[in-house]
Amino acid sequence: MGLTGTRRMTDRLAKKLHWFVDRLADPPQKLHVGSQPHRWRGRGMRSTTEGGSILGSPDTTRDWDRWLYGASDMMIVLDKDEPCFHVGRPEGTICQRCVIRDEDGCVKRDADGNPLGESGLRDYSREVYRYPMRAAMAHVGGDPPSGRPSLTLTLIALARSGGNPVSAAEALARRYPVMGDPRTARGHFLFALERLQAIWPQYDRS
């Protein structure tokens, strides 16, 4: 791959990483604030008195780690208004699905006791993933070439690094030496992010 091809791949990767990090969406606080001073150890490595990485990275919070490794299937109920099509409403009657109600759910009526009318909207509740991007990361499919990390593990490394491909590649290369090659790492990150983008519409609730 020539210089132009490498630059093109780097530009594509930068755009996809921006897209990825922007959609991680409201995870817990990642790093400890006001951590105790670092203690320097042999070979220039450091750790914190709170148990930070001996490789020099800041100490992450337990909530962040739980989010990263255990929040992929966390669900919430999302309430949303959508247009009401008055399905099954008899002609000349008030639709019971979108009739105007008060805060207690009772039908609002005028002085003569008649319903005030219809809002034209109905409440719609559905169960969705609390962290859509984290769920998509866990369920991304596709087998990587031999010797390379799974796509989920690859995306987790990118999330841990804050979208920094160099840091993510260094972390993965300890177990998957092929990721120590910059060109291979860039190509693998692109592959993982493209697969993630392909399934994202199934998880996006924006």
Foldseek 3Di string as FASTA:
>chain_A
DDPVVVVVLVVLLVVLLVVLLVQQPDQPAFADDPFDDWDADPPRFIAGPVGRDSNNDGRTDPSNVCCLPPQLAAKDKDKDKDFDPLPPPPPPDARPQFFDDDPVRHFDADPVRHGPGGPRIGIDIDMARPRLSSNLLVPQDDDDPPLADGLSLLVSLCVSVSNDLVSSLVVRCVVRVVSVDVVVSSVSSSVSSVSSVVCSVVHDPD
